Amino acid sequence: MSIRQSLLALLSEQPRHGYELKAEFDRRTGHSWPLNIGQVYSTLERLERDGLVVRGDEDDDGRVVHSITTDGRREVQAWFANPVVLDNPPRNELAIKIAIASSMPAVDLTALVQVQRRASIATLQDYTRARRAADPDDLAWHLVIESMIHQTEAEVRWLDHCENAALRASHRARAARTARAAAAVEPQPTPPATTNPLPASQKSPR
């Protein structure tokens, strides 16, 4: 998620101070990713350093208002015009957890996945209720909640895949253990006895 471009986009509408930016960002994203005010101001400092915003006068409450520059508007236009590149996806804690668990024989991976699936389905139900309760005219929030619903649905399907894969791996491991145990107890064939004929000098006389 790009806080930098998001704040620039909000400033492209009108000059705002930090608390206004935080409130607008939270409102337009349905409070799904609430910003820390310190993060807002640190981002504004970097934007000012890069020549994308300028500091203005203080308002009646002593808060500094920031305005976007021409270079800042160009960056906003480029952000909206270009696709988001997903070649470096963020770390997925759940995927990491399951990957580590799958390599540890002491962990019941199937049970872990089942617990997570129940939690994910409960989250999906919460999102669905939030969608039904949303203002039908609030397009921004509808788009955000739909994104969260689709992601959670995909997560549940992936967890189903993880459980099936874990069961298949368990069956293969059990079959391999059974085969090794059978091989260990299977009697080894006895080699046939060989008879060495006596030399002619040792044969009994008729």
N, C-alpha and C. Protein backbone atom coordinates (compact mmCIF):
# COMPACT_ATOMS: atom_id res chain seq x y z
N MET A 1 0.85 -1.19 0.00
CA MET A 1 0.00 0.00 0.00
C MET A 1 0.89 1.24 0.00
N SER A 2 0.64 2.18 -0.91
CA SER A 2 1.48 3.36 -1.03
C SER A 2 0.87 4.53 -0.27
N ILE A 3 1.40 4.81 0.89
CA ILE A 3 0.94 5.97 1.66
C ILE A 3 1.37 7.25 0.95
N ARG A 4 2.55 7.21 0.39
CA ARG A 4 3.11 8.39 -0.28
C ARG A 4 2.17 8.89 -1.36
N GLN A 5 1.81 8.00 -2.31
CA GLN A 5 0.95 8.42 -3.42
C GLN A 5 -0.47 8.74 -2.96
N SER A 6 -0.94 8.01 -1.95
CA SER A 6 -2.28 8.27 -1.45
C SER A 6 -2.39 9.68 -0.87
N LEU A 7 -1.41 10.07 -0.06
CA LEU A 7 -1.45 11.41 0.52
C LEU A 7 -1.29 12.48 -0.56
N LEU A 8 -0.44 12.20 -1.54
CA LEU A 8 -0.29 13.14 -2.64
C LEU A 8 -1.61 13.31 -3.39
N ALA A 9 -2.32 12.20 -3.61
CA ALA A 9 -3.60 12.27 -4.33
C ALA A 9 -4.60 13.13 -3.55
N LEU A 10 -4.63 12.98 -2.23
CA LEU A 10 -5.55 13.78 -1.42
C LEU A 10 -5.15 15.26 -1.46
N LEU A 11 -3.85 15.52 -1.50
CA LEU A 11 -3.40 16.92 -1.58
C LEU A 11 -3.67 17.51 -2.95
N SER A 12 -3.80 16.66 -3.98
CA SER A 12 -4.09 17.19 -5.31
C SER A 12 -5.49 17.79 -5.38
N GLU A 13 -6.36 17.42 -4.44
CA GLU A 13 -7.70 17.98 -4.38
C GLU A 13 -7.70 19.37 -3.75
N GLN A 14 -6.95 19.50 -2.66
CA GLN A 14 -6.87 20.78 -1.95
C GLN A 14 -5.77 20.69 -0.90
N PRO A 15 -5.23 21.83 -0.46
CA PRO A 15 -4.23 21.81 0.61
C PRO A 15 -4.84 21.27 1.89
N ARG A 16 -4.06 20.50 2.65
CA ARG A 16 -4.54 19.91 3.90
C ARG A 16 -3.40 19.82 4.90
N HIS A 17 -3.76 19.80 6.18
CA HIS A 17 -2.74 19.53 7.19
C HIS A 17 -2.77 18.03 7.52
N GLY A 18 -1.85 17.62 8.37
CA GLY A 18 -1.67 16.19 8.63
C GLY A 18 -2.90 15.48 9.14
N TYR A 19 -3.60 16.08 10.10
CA TYR A 19 -4.77 15.42 10.68
C TYR A 19 -5.90 15.31 9.66
N GLU A 20 -6.02 16.29 8.78
CA GLU A 20 -7.02 16.21 7.71
C GLU A 20 -6.69 15.06 6.75
N LEU A 21 -5.42 14.92 6.43
CA LEU A 21 -5.00 13.84 5.54
C LEU A 21 -5.29 12.47 6.16
N LYS A 22 -4.97 12.35 7.44
CA LYS A 22 -5.23 11.08 8.13
C LYS A 22 -6.72 10.77 8.13
N ALA A 23 -7.54 11.76 8.47
CA ALA A 23 -8.98 11.55 8.54
C ALA A 23 -9.56 11.19 7.17
N GLU A 24 -9.09 11.88 6.13
CA GLU A 24 -9.60 11.60 4.78
C GLU A 24 -9.16 10.22 4.30
N PHE A 25 -7.93 9.86 4.56
CA PHE A 25 -7.44 8.54 4.16
C PHE A 25 -8.25 7.45 4.86
N ASP A 26 -8.43 7.59 6.18
CA ASP A 26 -9.18 6.59 6.93
C ASP A 26 -10.62 6.49 6.44
N ARG A 27 -11.23 7.63 6.19
CA ARG A 27 -12.63 7.63 5.76
C ARG A 27 -12.79 6.97 4.39
N ARG A 28 -11.91 7.30 3.46
CA ARG A 28 -12.07 6.82 2.09
C ARG A 28 -11.69 5.34 1.93
N THR A 29 -10.93 4.81 2.86
CA THR A 29 -10.58 3.39 2.81
C THR A 29 -11.38 2.59 3.84
N GLY A 30 -12.42 3.19 4.39
CA GLY A 30 -13.27 2.49 5.34
C GLY A 30 -12.57 2.11 6.63
N HIS A 31 -11.54 2.86 7.01
CA HIS A 31 -10.77 2.58 8.23
C HIS A 31 -10.16 1.17 8.21
N SER A 32 -9.94 0.64 7.02
CA SER A 32 -9.36 -0.69 6.91
C SER A 32 -7.87 -0.70 7.22
N TRP A 33 -7.17 0.37 6.89
CA TRP A 33 -5.73 0.48 7.16
C TRP A 33 -5.48 1.82 7.86
N PRO A 34 -5.95 1.99 9.11
CA PRO A 34 -5.82 3.29 9.78
C PRO A 34 -4.36 3.73 9.89
N LEU A 35 -4.14 4.98 9.55
CA LEU A 35 -2.79 5.53 9.58
C LEU A 35 -2.45 6.07 10.96
N ASN A 36 -1.20 5.93 11.30
CA ASN A 36 -0.68 6.59 12.50
C ASN A 36 -0.31 8.02 12.11
N ILE A 37 -0.67 8.98 12.94
CA ILE A 37 -0.42 10.38 12.58
C ILE A 37 1.08 10.64 12.41
N GLY A 38 1.90 9.92 13.17
CA GLY A 38 3.34 10.07 13.00
C GLY A 38 3.79 9.64 11.62
N GLN A 39 3.17 8.59 11.08
CA GLN A 39 3.48 8.13 9.73
C GLN A 39 3.09 9.17 8.69
N VAL A 40 1.97 9.86 8.94
CA VAL A 40 1.53 10.90 8.01
C VAL A 40 2.56 12.02 7.96
N TYR A 41 2.99 12.49 9.13
CA TYR A 41 3.91 13.62 9.15
C TYR A 41 5.30 13.24 8.63
N SER A 42 5.74 12.01 8.91
CA SER A 42 7.04 11.59 8.37
C SER A 42 6.99 11.49 6.85
N THR A 43 5.84 11.05 6.32
CA THR A 43 5.68 10.99 4.86
C THR A 43 5.66 12.39 4.27
N LEU A 44 4.98 13.31 4.92
CA LEU A 44 4.94 14.70 4.44
C LEU A 44 6.34 15.30 4.41
N GLU A 45 7.15 14.98 5.41
CA GLU A 45 8.52 15.50 5.43
C GLU A 45 9.31 14.98 4.23
N ARG A 46 9.13 13.71 3.90
CA ARG A 46 9.85 13.16 2.74
C ARG A 46 9.33 13.76 1.44
N LEU A 47 8.01 13.96 1.35
CA LEU A 47 7.45 14.58 0.16
C LEU A 47 7.96 16.00 -0.02
N GLU A 48 8.10 16.72 1.08
CA GLU A 48 8.63 18.09 1.01
C GLU A 48 10.10 18.06 0.59
N ARG A 49 10.84 17.12 1.15
CA ARG A 49 12.26 16.97 0.79
C ARG A 49 12.43 16.70 -0.69
N ASP A 50 11.50 15.91 -1.28
CA ASP A 50 11.57 15.53 -2.69
C ASP A 50 10.95 16.57 -3.62
N GLY A 51 10.47 17.66 -3.06
CA GLY A 51 9.92 18.73 -3.89
C GLY A 51 8.51 18.45 -4.40
N LEU A 52 7.79 17.54 -3.76
CA LEU A 52 6.45 17.19 -4.23
C LEU A 52 5.36 17.93 -3.47
N VAL A 53 5.67 18.45 -2.29
CA VAL A 53 4.74 19.29 -1.53
C VAL A 53 5.52 20.46 -0.94
N VAL A 54 4.79 21.49 -0.58
CA VAL A 54 5.40 22.64 0.09
C VAL A 54 4.59 22.95 1.35
N ARG A 55 5.31 23.44 2.34
CA ARG A 55 4.64 23.83 3.58
C ARG A 55 4.02 25.21 3.39
N GLY A 56 2.83 25.36 3.92
CA GLY A 56 2.17 26.65 3.87
C GLY A 56 2.09 27.28 5.24
N ASP A 57 1.08 28.11 5.43
CA ASP A 57 0.90 28.80 6.70
C ASP A 57 0.19 27.87 7.69
N GLU A 58 0.25 28.24 8.94
CA GLU A 58 -0.48 27.51 9.96
C GLU A 58 -1.94 27.94 9.98
N ASP A 59 -2.83 26.99 10.31
CA ASP A 59 -4.23 27.37 10.43
C ASP A 59 -4.50 27.92 11.83
N ASP A 60 -5.75 28.13 12.17
CA ASP A 60 -6.10 28.73 13.46
C ASP A 60 -5.70 27.85 14.63
N ASP A 61 -5.53 26.56 14.40
CA ASP A 61 -5.15 25.63 15.47
C ASP A 61 -3.65 25.38 15.51
N GLY A 62 -2.90 26.13 14.70
CA GLY A 62 -1.46 25.98 14.71
C GLY A 62 -0.95 24.82 13.90
N ARG A 63 -1.79 24.27 13.02
CA ARG A 63 -1.37 23.14 12.19
C ARG A 63 -0.91 23.64 10.83
N VAL A 64 0.19 23.05 10.35
CA VAL A 64 0.78 23.48 9.09
C VAL A 64 0.03 22.83 7.94
N VAL A 65 -0.39 23.66 6.98
CA VAL A 65 -1.09 23.17 5.80
C VAL A 65 -0.07 22.91 4.70
N HIS A 66 -0.21 21.78 4.02
CA HIS A 66 0.69 21.42 2.93
C HIS A 66 -0.05 21.50 1.60
N SER A 67 0.67 21.90 0.56
CA SER A 67 0.11 21.99 -0.79
C SER A 67 0.97 21.18 -1.74
N ILE A 68 0.35 20.63 -2.77
CA ILE A 68 1.08 19.83 -3.74
C ILE A 68 1.75 20.73 -4.78
N THR A 69 2.89 20.30 -5.28
CA THR A 69 3.60 21.04 -6.33
C THR A 69 3.27 20.44 -7.69
N THR A 70 3.82 21.09 -8.73
CA THR A 70 3.61 20.56 -10.09
C THR A 70 4.21 19.17 -10.23
N ASP A 71 5.40 18.98 -9.67
CA ASP A 71 6.02 17.65 -9.71
C ASP A 71 5.18 16.63 -8.95
N GLY A 72 4.58 17.08 -7.85
CA GLY A 72 3.71 16.19 -7.10
C GLY A 72 2.50 15.75 -7.91
N ARG A 73 1.92 16.68 -8.65
CA ARG A 73 0.76 16.33 -9.49
C ARG A 73 1.17 15.34 -10.58
N ARG A 74 2.36 15.50 -11.12
CA ARG A 74 2.83 14.54 -12.13
C ARG A 74 2.95 13.14 -11.53
N GLU A 75 3.43 13.06 -10.30
CA GLU A 75 3.57 11.75 -9.66
C GLU A 75 2.20 11.11 -9.42
N VAL A 76 1.23 11.92 -9.03
CA VAL A 76 -0.13 11.39 -8.83
C VAL A 76 -0.68 10.87 -10.15
N GLN A 77 -0.50 11.64 -11.21
CA GLN A 77 -1.00 11.22 -12.53
C GLN A 77 -0.33 9.91 -12.96
N ALA A 78 0.98 9.79 -12.71
CA ALA A 78 1.69 8.56 -13.08
C ALA A 78 1.20 7.38 -12.24
N TRP A 79 0.89 7.62 -10.97
CA TRP A 79 0.40 6.56 -10.09
C TRP A 79 -0.93 6.00 -10.61
N PHE A 80 -1.82 6.90 -11.00
CA PHE A 80 -3.13 6.46 -11.50
C PHE A 80 -3.03 5.84 -12.89
N ALA A 81 -2.04 6.25 -13.66
CA ALA A 81 -1.95 5.79 -15.05
C ALA A 81 -1.25 4.44 -15.19
N ASN A 82 -0.47 4.03 -14.19
CA ASN A 82 0.33 2.82 -14.32
C ASN A 82 -0.18 1.72 -13.39
N PRO A 83 -0.04 0.46 -13.81
CA PRO A 83 -0.50 -0.65 -12.96
C PRO A 83 0.39 -0.82 -11.74
N VAL A 84 -0.19 -1.41 -10.70
CA VAL A 84 0.59 -1.76 -9.51
C VAL A 84 1.40 -3.01 -9.84
N VAL A 85 2.70 -2.96 -9.63
CA VAL A 85 3.58 -4.09 -9.93
C VAL A 85 3.60 -5.03 -8.73
N LEU A 86 3.31 -6.31 -8.98
CA LEU A 86 3.23 -7.30 -7.90
C LEU A 86 4.38 -8.28 -7.94
N ASP A 87 5.54 -7.85 -8.51
CA ASP A 87 6.67 -8.78 -8.60
C ASP A 87 7.38 -8.93 -7.27
N ASN A 88 7.06 -8.11 -6.29
CA ASN A 88 7.67 -8.22 -4.97
C ASN A 88 6.56 -8.15 -3.92
N PRO A 89 5.74 -9.22 -3.81
CA PRO A 89 4.59 -9.15 -2.92
C PRO A 89 5.01 -9.05 -1.47
N PRO A 90 4.17 -8.45 -0.63
CA PRO A 90 4.51 -8.33 0.79
C PRO A 90 4.53 -9.70 1.45
N ARG A 91 5.23 -9.81 2.56
CA ARG A 91 5.28 -11.07 3.30
C ARG A 91 3.88 -11.44 3.80
N ASN A 92 3.54 -12.69 3.61
CA ASN A 92 2.25 -13.21 4.04
C ASN A 92 2.50 -14.06 5.28
N GLU A 93 2.10 -13.56 6.45
CA GLU A 93 2.39 -14.27 7.69
C GLU A 93 1.78 -15.68 7.70
N LEU A 94 0.55 -15.80 7.17
CA LEU A 94 -0.09 -17.10 7.17
C LEU A 94 0.66 -18.09 6.28
N ALA A 95 1.06 -17.65 5.08
CA ALA A 95 1.79 -18.54 4.19
C ALA A 95 3.12 -18.96 4.81
N ILE A 96 3.80 -18.03 5.47
CA ILE A 96 5.07 -18.36 6.13
C ILE A 96 4.84 -19.37 7.25
N LYS A 97 3.79 -19.13 8.05
CA LYS A 97 3.49 -20.02 9.17
C LYS A 97 3.23 -21.44 8.68
N ILE A 98 2.41 -21.58 7.64
CA ILE A 98 2.07 -22.90 7.13
C ILE A 98 3.29 -23.56 6.47
N ALA A 99 4.10 -22.77 5.78
CA ALA A 99 5.30 -23.33 5.16
C ALA A 99 6.25 -23.89 6.21
N ILE A 100 6.45 -23.16 7.30
CA ILE A 100 7.33 -23.63 8.38
C ILE A 100 6.73 -24.86 9.05
N ALA A 101 5.41 -24.80 9.33
CA ALA A 101 4.75 -25.92 10.00
C ALA A 101 4.83 -27.19 9.17
N SER A 102 4.73 -27.06 7.84
CA SER A 102 4.74 -28.24 6.97
C SER A 102 6.07 -28.97 7.00
N SER A 103 7.13 -28.29 7.44
CA SER A 103 8.45 -28.91 7.48
C SER A 103 8.81 -29.44 8.87
N MET A 104 7.84 -29.38 9.82
CA MET A 104 8.09 -29.81 11.19
C MET A 104 7.18 -31.01 11.50
N PRO A 105 7.73 -32.20 11.56
CA PRO A 105 6.90 -33.39 11.79
C PRO A 105 6.08 -33.34 13.07
N ALA A 106 6.53 -32.59 14.07
CA ALA A 106 5.81 -32.55 15.33
C ALA A 106 4.54 -31.70 15.27
N VAL A 107 4.37 -30.91 14.21
CA VAL A 107 3.21 -30.03 14.08
C VAL A 107 2.12 -30.74 13.27
N ASP A 108 0.89 -30.71 13.80
CA ASP A 108 -0.25 -31.27 13.08
C ASP A 108 -0.74 -30.22 12.09
N LEU A 109 -0.25 -30.33 10.87
CA LEU A 109 -0.55 -29.31 9.87
C LEU A 109 -2.04 -29.28 9.53
N THR A 110 -2.67 -30.44 9.45
CA THR A 110 -4.09 -30.48 9.13
C THR A 110 -4.91 -29.74 10.19
N ALA A 111 -4.60 -29.95 11.46
CA ALA A 111 -5.32 -29.26 12.54
C ALA A 111 -5.08 -27.76 12.48
N LEU A 112 -3.85 -27.38 12.19
CA LEU A 112 -3.52 -25.95 12.08
C LEU A 112 -4.36 -25.30 10.99
N VAL A 113 -4.44 -25.96 9.84
CA VAL A 113 -5.19 -25.40 8.71
C VAL A 113 -6.68 -25.31 9.05
N GLN A 114 -7.21 -26.31 9.72
CA GLN A 114 -8.63 -26.29 10.07
C GLN A 114 -8.96 -25.15 11.02
N VAL A 115 -8.09 -24.90 11.98
CA VAL A 115 -8.30 -23.76 12.90
C VAL A 115 -8.29 -22.45 12.14
N GLN A 116 -7.32 -22.32 11.22
CA GLN A 116 -7.22 -21.08 10.44
C GLN A 116 -8.43 -20.91 9.53
N ARG A 117 -8.91 -22.01 8.93
CA ARG A 117 -10.06 -21.90 8.04
C ARG A 117 -11.29 -21.40 8.80
N ARG A 118 -11.51 -21.90 10.00
CA ARG A 118 -12.65 -21.42 10.79
C ARG A 118 -12.54 -19.93 11.05
N ALA A 119 -11.32 -19.47 11.37
CA ALA A 119 -11.12 -18.04 11.62
C ALA A 119 -11.33 -17.23 10.34
N SER A 120 -10.85 -17.74 9.21
CA SER A 120 -11.00 -17.02 7.95
C SER A 120 -12.46 -16.94 7.53
N ILE A 121 -13.21 -18.03 7.73
CA ILE A 121 -14.63 -18.02 7.38
C ILE A 121 -15.39 -17.03 8.26
N ALA A 122 -15.03 -16.95 9.55
CA ALA A 122 -15.67 -15.97 10.44
C ALA A 122 -15.36 -14.55 9.97
N THR A 123 -14.13 -14.31 9.54
CA THR A 123 -13.77 -12.99 9.02
C THR A 123 -14.55 -12.68 7.75
N LEU A 124 -14.69 -13.67 6.89
CA LEU A 124 -15.46 -13.49 5.66
C LEU A 124 -16.91 -13.14 5.97
N GLN A 125 -17.48 -13.76 6.97
CA GLN A 125 -18.85 -13.44 7.36
C GLN A 125 -18.96 -12.01 7.89
N ASP A 126 -17.93 -11.57 8.63
CA ASP A 126 -17.92 -10.18 9.12
C ASP A 126 -17.88 -9.20 7.96
N TYR A 127 -17.02 -9.49 6.97
CA TYR A 127 -16.93 -8.61 5.81
C TYR A 127 -18.25 -8.57 5.05
N THR A 128 -18.89 -9.71 4.93
CA THR A 128 -20.16 -9.77 4.20
C THR A 128 -21.23 -8.94 4.91
N ARG A 129 -21.27 -9.03 6.24
CA ARG A 129 -22.22 -8.20 6.99
C ARG A 129 -21.89 -6.72 6.83
N ALA A 130 -20.61 -6.39 6.83
CA ALA A 130 -20.22 -4.98 6.65
C ALA A 130 -20.63 -4.48 5.27
N ARG A 131 -20.54 -5.33 4.26
CA ARG A 131 -20.97 -4.92 2.92
C ARG A 131 -22.47 -4.66 2.89
N ARG A 132 -23.24 -5.50 3.54
CA ARG A 132 -24.70 -5.31 3.55
C ARG A 132 -25.07 -4.02 4.29
N ALA A 133 -24.29 -3.68 5.32
CA ALA A 133 -24.62 -2.51 6.13
C ALA A 133 -24.07 -1.21 5.55
N ALA A 134 -23.25 -1.28 4.52
CA ALA A 134 -22.58 -0.09 3.98
C ALA A 134 -23.56 0.81 3.24
N ASP A 135 -23.23 2.07 3.23
CA ASP A 135 -24.00 3.05 2.46
C ASP A 135 -23.87 2.71 0.98
N PRO A 136 -24.96 2.45 0.29
CA PRO A 136 -24.86 2.07 -1.13
C PRO A 136 -24.24 3.14 -2.01
N ASP A 137 -24.22 4.38 -1.53
CA ASP A 137 -23.62 5.46 -2.33
C ASP A 137 -22.14 5.66 -2.04
N ASP A 138 -21.60 4.91 -1.07
CA ASP A 138 -20.18 5.05 -0.71
C ASP A 138 -19.37 4.07 -1.58
N LEU A 139 -19.07 4.50 -2.79
CA LEU A 139 -18.39 3.63 -3.74
C LEU A 139 -17.02 3.20 -3.23
N ALA A 140 -16.26 4.14 -2.63
CA ALA A 140 -14.90 3.82 -2.17
C ALA A 140 -14.93 2.67 -1.18
N TRP A 141 -15.83 2.73 -0.20
CA TRP A 141 -15.88 1.69 0.81
C TRP A 141 -16.35 0.37 0.21
N HIS A 142 -17.29 0.42 -0.72
CA HIS A 142 -17.75 -0.81 -1.37
C HIS A 142 -16.60 -1.49 -2.12
N LEU A 143 -15.79 -0.71 -2.79
CA LEU A 143 -14.67 -1.30 -3.53
C LEU A 143 -13.66 -1.91 -2.57
N VAL A 144 -13.41 -1.24 -1.45
CA VAL A 144 -12.47 -1.77 -0.47
C VAL A 144 -12.98 -3.07 0.13
N ILE A 145 -14.24 -3.07 0.58
CA ILE A 145 -14.77 -4.27 1.23
C ILE A 145 -14.87 -5.43 0.25
N GLU A 146 -15.19 -5.15 -1.02
CA GLU A 146 -15.22 -6.21 -2.01
C GLU A 146 -13.83 -6.81 -2.21
N SER A 147 -12.81 -5.97 -2.20
CA SER A 147 -11.44 -6.47 -2.31
C SER A 147 -11.12 -7.39 -1.15
N MET A 148 -11.51 -7.01 0.05
CA MET A 148 -11.23 -7.82 1.24
C MET A 148 -12.01 -9.13 1.20
N ILE A 149 -13.23 -9.09 0.69
CA ILE A 149 -14.03 -10.32 0.57
C ILE A 149 -13.38 -11.28 -0.43
N HIS A 150 -12.98 -10.75 -1.59
CA HIS A 150 -12.35 -11.61 -2.59
C HIS A 150 -11.05 -12.22 -2.07
N GLN A 151 -10.26 -11.43 -1.36
CA GLN A 151 -9.00 -11.94 -0.83
C GLN A 151 -9.24 -13.03 0.20
N THR A 152 -10.25 -12.85 1.06
CA THR A 152 -10.54 -13.84 2.08
C THR A 152 -11.12 -15.11 1.47
N GLU A 153 -11.97 -14.96 0.46
CA GLU A 153 -12.47 -16.15 -0.25
C GLU A 153 -11.32 -16.94 -0.87
N ALA A 154 -10.38 -16.22 -1.46
CA ALA A 154 -9.21 -16.89 -2.04
C ALA A 154 -8.39 -17.58 -0.95
N GLU A 155 -8.28 -16.95 0.21
CA GLU A 155 -7.55 -17.54 1.32
C GLU A 155 -8.19 -18.85 1.76
N VAL A 156 -9.52 -18.87 1.86
CA VAL A 156 -10.22 -20.09 2.27
C VAL A 156 -9.97 -21.20 1.24
N ARG A 157 -10.04 -20.86 -0.06
CA ARG A 157 -9.78 -21.87 -1.09
C ARG A 157 -8.35 -22.39 -0.99
N TRP A 158 -7.41 -21.50 -0.71
CA TRP A 158 -6.01 -21.91 -0.57
C TRP A 158 -5.84 -22.82 0.64
N LEU A 159 -6.55 -22.52 1.73
CA LEU A 159 -6.47 -23.37 2.92
C LEU A 159 -7.03 -24.77 2.62
N ASP A 160 -8.09 -24.83 1.82
CA ASP A 160 -8.61 -26.14 1.39
C ASP A 160 -7.52 -26.91 0.64
N HIS A 161 -6.82 -26.22 -0.25
CA HIS A 161 -5.72 -26.85 -1.00
C HIS A 161 -4.63 -27.33 -0.04
N CYS A 162 -4.29 -26.49 0.96
CA CYS A 162 -3.25 -26.86 1.93
C CYS A 162 -3.63 -28.13 2.68
N GLU A 163 -4.90 -28.21 3.10
CA GLU A 163 -5.34 -29.40 3.85
C GLU A 163 -5.26 -30.65 2.97
N ASN A 164 -5.73 -30.54 1.73
CA ASN A 164 -5.67 -31.70 0.84
C ASN A 164 -4.23 -32.13 0.57
N ALA A 165 -3.36 -31.14 0.39
CA ALA A 165 -1.95 -31.46 0.16
C ALA A 165 -1.33 -32.12 1.38
N ALA A 166 -1.70 -31.64 2.58
CA ALA A 166 -1.17 -32.23 3.81
C ALA A 166 -1.66 -33.66 3.98
N LEU A 167 -2.92 -33.92 3.64
CA LEU A 167 -3.44 -35.28 3.74
C LEU A 167 -2.74 -36.22 2.76
N ARG A 168 -2.53 -35.74 1.52
CA ARG A 168 -1.83 -36.58 0.54
C ARG A 168 -0.41 -36.89 1.00
N ALA A 169 0.27 -35.87 1.55
CA ALA A 169 1.63 -36.09 2.04
C ALA A 169 1.64 -37.07 3.20
N SER A 170 0.64 -36.99 4.07
CA SER A 170 0.55 -37.91 5.20
C SER A 170 0.33 -39.34 4.73
N HIS A 171 -0.54 -39.50 3.72
CA HIS A 171 -0.79 -40.84 3.19
C HIS A 171 0.48 -41.42 2.54
N ARG A 172 1.21 -40.58 1.81
CA ARG A 172 2.45 -41.07 1.18
C ARG A 172 3.47 -41.47 2.24
N ALA A 173 3.58 -40.66 3.29
CA ALA A 173 4.55 -40.99 4.35
C ALA A 173 4.15 -42.27 5.06
N ARG A 174 2.85 -42.46 5.30
CA ARG A 174 2.40 -43.68 5.97
C ARG A 174 2.67 -44.91 5.10
N ALA A 175 2.40 -44.77 3.80
CA ALA A 175 2.66 -45.89 2.88
C ALA A 175 4.14 -46.23 2.84
N ALA A 176 4.99 -45.20 2.87
CA ALA A 176 6.44 -45.44 2.85
C ALA A 176 6.89 -46.14 4.12
N ARG A 177 6.34 -45.74 5.27
CA ARG A 177 6.70 -46.40 6.54
C ARG A 177 6.25 -47.86 6.54
N THR A 178 5.05 -48.09 6.02
CA THR A 178 4.54 -49.46 5.96
C THR A 178 5.42 -50.33 5.08
N ALA A 179 5.83 -49.78 3.94
CA ALA A 179 6.69 -50.55 3.03
C ALA A 179 8.03 -50.85 3.68
N ARG A 180 8.60 -49.88 4.40
CA ARG A 180 9.89 -50.11 5.06
C ARG A 180 9.75 -51.17 6.16
N ALA A 181 8.64 -51.10 6.91
CA ALA A 181 8.44 -52.08 7.98
C ALA A 181 8.28 -53.48 7.41
N ALA A 182 7.53 -53.59 6.32
CA ALA A 182 7.34 -54.91 5.70
C ALA A 182 8.66 -55.47 5.19
N ALA A 183 9.47 -54.60 4.62
CA ALA A 183 10.76 -55.06 4.10
C ALA A 183 11.68 -55.52 5.22
N ALA A 184 11.55 -54.92 6.41
CA ALA A 184 12.43 -55.26 7.52
C ALA A 184 12.10 -56.63 8.10
N VAL A 185 10.83 -57.04 8.08
CA VAL A 185 10.45 -58.32 8.69
C VAL A 185 10.34 -59.44 7.67
N GLU A 186 10.42 -59.16 6.40
CA GLU A 186 10.29 -60.19 5.39
C GLU A 186 11.50 -61.12 5.43
N PRO A 187 11.28 -62.45 5.58
CA PRO A 187 12.43 -63.36 5.65
C PRO A 187 13.23 -63.37 4.35
N GLN A 188 14.54 -63.45 4.53
CA GLN A 188 15.41 -63.45 3.37
C GLN A 188 15.48 -64.87 2.80
N PRO A 189 15.43 -65.03 1.51
CA PRO A 189 15.50 -66.38 0.92
C PRO A 189 16.83 -67.06 1.22
N THR A 190 16.76 -68.37 1.56
CA THR A 190 17.97 -69.13 1.86
C THR A 190 18.60 -69.61 0.56
N PRO A 191 19.86 -69.38 0.39
CA PRO A 191 20.49 -69.83 -0.86
C PRO A 191 20.48 -71.34 -0.95
N PRO A 192 20.28 -71.91 -2.13
CA PRO A 192 20.23 -73.38 -2.28
C PRO A 192 21.57 -74.02 -1.92
N ALA A 193 21.47 -75.22 -1.27
CA ALA A 193 22.68 -75.94 -0.87
C ALA A 193 23.38 -76.50 -2.10
N THR A 194 24.68 -76.46 -2.07
CA THR A 194 25.46 -77.00 -3.18
C THR A 194 26.19 -78.26 -2.72
N THR A 195 26.25 -79.26 -3.52
CA THR A 195 26.96 -80.52 -3.19
C THR A 195 28.25 -80.59 -3.99
N ASN A 196 29.30 -80.78 -3.24
CA ASN A 196 30.60 -80.89 -3.90
C ASN A 196 30.90 -82.38 -4.12
N PRO A 197 30.97 -82.86 -5.33
CA PRO A 197 31.27 -84.29 -5.56
C PRO A 197 32.66 -84.66 -5.02
N LEU A 198 32.76 -85.86 -4.44
CA LEU A 198 34.04 -86.30 -3.91
C LEU A 198 35.02 -86.62 -5.04
N PRO A 199 36.25 -86.36 -4.80
CA PRO A 199 37.23 -86.76 -5.81
C PRO A 199 37.18 -88.27 -6.05
N ALA A 200 37.58 -88.68 -7.20
CA ALA A 200 37.50 -90.10 -7.57
C ALA A 200 38.28 -90.97 -6.58
N SER A 201 39.39 -90.46 -6.02
CA SER A 201 40.23 -91.23 -5.10
C SER A 201 39.52 -91.50 -3.78
N GLN A 202 38.47 -90.69 -3.43
CA GLN A 202 37.79 -90.84 -2.15
C GLN A 202 36.50 -91.62 -2.29
N LYS A 203 36.14 -92.11 -3.48
CA LYS A 203 34.92 -92.85 -3.68
C LYS A 203 35.11 -94.26 -3.11
N SER A 204 34.05 -94.76 -2.50
CA SER A 204 34.12 -96.10 -1.92
C SER A 204 34.19 -97.13 -3.04
N PRO A 205 34.98 -98.15 -2.83
CA PRO A 205 35.08 -99.21 -3.85
C PRO A 205 33.79 -100.00 -3.89
N ARG A 206 33.43 -100.54 -4.98
CA ARG A 206 32.21 -101.32 -5.13
C ARG A 206 32.47 -102.68 -4.51
